[in-house]
Amino acid sequence: MNNKFFKLIFYLGLLLSCAPSFGAKWKAKHVIFIGLDGWGAYSMKKTNMLTAKQLIK
């Protein structure tokens, strides 16, 4: 019985992880970027960090 329960939980988790995400097309209107390491906003144009620039767009 214990083995069947773990198999059921495993397959249920596998099934739910493969389900499509319905909120994938949602995009936030505003993103607040808080830098705690002293990274100044003046250096943003000089950087080559695509992820940070995409967050701003």
N, C-alpha and C. Protein backbone atom coordinates (compact mmCIF):
# COMPACT_ATOMS: atom_id res chain seq x y z
N MET A 1 0.83 -1.19 0.00
CA MET A 1 0.00 0.00 0.00
C MET A 1 0.87 1.25 0.00
N ASN A 2 1.93 1.22 0.78
CA ASN A 2 2.80 2.38 0.87
C ASN A 2 3.46 2.66 -0.48
N ASN A 3 3.84 1.61 -1.19
CA ASN A 3 4.47 1.75 -2.50
C ASN A 3 3.48 2.32 -3.52
N LYS A 4 2.24 1.88 -3.48
CA LYS A 4 1.22 2.39 -4.39
C LYS A 4 0.95 3.87 -4.15
N PHE A 5 0.96 4.27 -2.89
CA PHE A 5 0.72 5.67 -2.55
C PHE A 5 1.82 6.56 -3.13
N PHE A 6 3.07 6.15 -2.98
CA PHE A 6 4.18 6.94 -3.50
C PHE A 6 4.17 6.99 -5.03
N LYS A 7 3.78 5.89 -5.66
CA LYS A 7 3.66 5.88 -7.12
C LYS A 7 2.56 6.84 -7.57
N LEU A 8 1.45 6.84 -6.85
CA LEU A 8 0.35 7.74 -7.19
C LEU A 8 0.79 9.19 -7.05
N ILE A 9 1.45 9.52 -5.97
CA ILE A 9 1.93 10.89 -5.76
C ILE A 9 2.94 11.27 -6.84
N PHE A 10 3.84 10.36 -7.18
CA PHE A 10 4.85 10.63 -8.20
C PHE A 10 4.20 10.92 -9.55
N TYR A 11 3.29 10.05 -9.98
CA TYR A 11 2.66 10.23 -11.29
C TYR A 11 1.73 11.44 -11.32
N LEU A 12 1.10 11.74 -10.22
CA LEU A 12 0.27 12.94 -10.15
C LEU A 12 1.14 14.19 -10.26
N GLY A 13 2.26 14.21 -9.57
CA GLY A 13 3.19 15.34 -9.68
C GLY A 13 3.76 15.48 -11.07
N LEU A 14 4.07 14.35 -11.71
CA LEU A 14 4.57 14.37 -13.07
C LEU A 14 3.52 14.92 -14.04
N LEU A 15 2.29 14.50 -13.86
CA LEU A 15 1.21 14.97 -14.71
C LEU A 15 0.99 16.47 -14.55
N LEU A 16 1.01 16.96 -13.31
CA LEU A 16 0.78 18.38 -13.07
C LEU A 16 1.95 19.24 -13.55
N SER A 17 3.15 18.70 -13.52
CA SER A 17 4.30 19.48 -13.98
C SER A 17 4.32 19.61 -15.50
N CYS A 18 3.64 18.72 -16.20
CA CYS A 18 3.59 18.77 -17.66
C CYS A 18 2.40 19.58 -18.17
N ALA A 19 1.56 20.03 -17.28
CA ALA A 19 0.38 20.80 -17.69
C ALA A 19 0.82 22.15 -18.24
N PRO A 20 0.13 22.67 -19.24
CA PRO A 20 0.51 23.98 -19.79
C PRO A 20 0.28 25.09 -18.76
N SER A 21 1.15 26.06 -18.80
CA SER A 21 0.97 27.18 -17.87
C SER A 21 0.06 28.20 -18.55
N PHE A 22 -1.04 28.49 -17.93
CA PHE A 22 -2.04 29.35 -18.54
C PHE A 22 -1.68 30.83 -18.41
N GLY A 23 -0.82 31.19 -17.48
CA GLY A 23 -0.46 32.59 -17.29
C GLY A 23 0.83 32.98 -17.97
N ALA A 24 1.30 32.21 -18.93
CA ALA A 24 2.59 32.47 -19.54
C ALA A 24 2.60 33.74 -20.39
N LYS A 25 1.48 34.16 -20.91
CA LYS A 25 1.45 35.33 -21.77
C LYS A 25 1.24 36.62 -20.99
N TRP A 26 1.00 36.53 -19.70
CA TRP A 26 0.80 37.70 -18.89
C TRP A 26 2.12 38.43 -18.72
N LYS A 27 2.09 39.75 -18.79
CA LYS A 27 3.30 40.54 -18.65
C LYS A 27 3.01 41.68 -17.67
N ALA A 28 3.92 41.88 -16.75
CA ALA A 28 3.74 42.93 -15.74
C ALA A 28 3.88 44.30 -16.37
N LYS A 29 3.09 45.26 -15.89
CA LYS A 29 3.19 46.63 -16.38
C LYS A 29 4.40 47.34 -15.78
N HIS A 30 4.70 47.03 -14.54
CA HIS A 30 5.82 47.68 -13.85
C HIS A 30 6.65 46.63 -13.12
N VAL A 31 7.95 46.82 -13.15
CA VAL A 31 8.88 45.96 -12.42
C VAL A 31 9.76 46.86 -11.58
N ILE A 32 9.87 46.57 -10.30
CA ILE A 32 10.73 47.34 -9.42
C ILE A 32 12.03 46.57 -9.25
N PHE A 33 13.12 47.18 -9.63
CA PHE A 33 14.44 46.55 -9.57
C PHE A 33 15.21 47.20 -8.42
N ILE A 34 15.42 46.46 -7.36
CA ILE A 34 16.11 46.98 -6.18
C ILE A 34 17.51 46.37 -6.13
N GLY A 35 18.51 47.20 -6.22
CA GLY A 35 19.89 46.72 -6.14
C GLY A 35 20.46 47.02 -4.76
N LEU A 36 20.87 45.99 -4.07
CA LEU A 36 21.41 46.16 -2.72
C LEU A 36 22.93 46.13 -2.69
N ASP A 37 23.56 46.01 -3.83
CA ASP A 37 25.01 45.91 -3.85
C ASP A 37 25.69 47.20 -4.26
N GLY A 38 24.96 48.29 -4.37
CA GLY A 38 25.56 49.56 -4.74
C GLY A 38 25.65 49.77 -6.24
N TRP A 39 24.90 49.01 -7.01
CA TRP A 39 24.90 49.15 -8.46
C TRP A 39 24.12 50.40 -8.82
N GLY A 40 24.78 51.38 -9.38
CA GLY A 40 24.14 52.65 -9.70
C GLY A 40 23.38 52.60 -11.02
N ALA A 41 22.31 53.38 -11.10
CA ALA A 41 21.50 53.43 -12.32
C ALA A 41 22.27 54.07 -13.47
N TYR A 42 23.27 54.89 -13.16
CA TYR A 42 24.05 55.56 -14.20
C TYR A 42 24.82 54.56 -15.07
N SER A 43 25.13 53.40 -14.54
CA SER A 43 25.93 52.42 -15.28
C SER A 43 25.07 51.46 -16.11
N MET A 44 23.77 51.62 -16.08
CA MET A 44 22.88 50.68 -16.76
C MET A 44 23.08 50.70 -18.28
N LYS A 45 23.29 51.87 -18.85
CA LYS A 45 23.46 51.96 -20.31
C LYS A 45 24.78 51.34 -20.76
N LYS A 46 25.77 51.29 -19.87
CA LYS A 46 27.09 50.78 -20.24
C LYS A 46 27.19 49.26 -20.11
N THR A 47 26.27 48.63 -19.41
CA THR A 47 26.39 47.20 -19.15
C THR A 47 25.91 46.38 -20.34
N ASN A 48 26.32 45.13 -20.36
CA ASN A 48 25.91 44.20 -21.40
C ASN A 48 25.15 43.04 -20.75
N MET A 49 24.14 43.36 -19.96
CA MET A 49 23.35 42.34 -19.27
C MET A 49 21.95 42.33 -19.87
N LEU A 50 21.71 41.36 -20.73
CA LEU A 50 20.45 41.32 -21.47
C LEU A 50 19.24 41.11 -20.56
N THR A 51 19.39 40.30 -19.52
CA THR A 51 18.26 40.03 -18.64
C THR A 51 17.82 41.28 -17.91
N ALA A 52 18.76 42.04 -17.39
CA ALA A 52 18.42 43.28 -16.69
C ALA A 52 17.78 44.29 -17.64
N LYS A 53 18.29 44.37 -18.85
CA LYS A 53 17.70 45.31 -19.82
C LYS A 53 16.31 44.87 -20.26
N GLN A 54 16.07 43.57 -20.34
CA GLN A 54 14.74 43.08 -20.69
C GLN A 54 13.75 43.34 -19.57
N LEU A 55 14.21 43.31 -18.32
CA LEU A 55 13.33 43.63 -17.21
C LEU A 55 12.88 45.08 -17.27
N ILE A 56 13.75 45.95 -17.72
CA ILE A 56 13.42 47.37 -17.81
C ILE A 56 12.42 47.62 -18.93
N LYS A 57 12.56 46.90 -20.04
CA LYS A 57 11.64 47.09 -21.17
C LYS A 57 10.32 46.55 -20.77
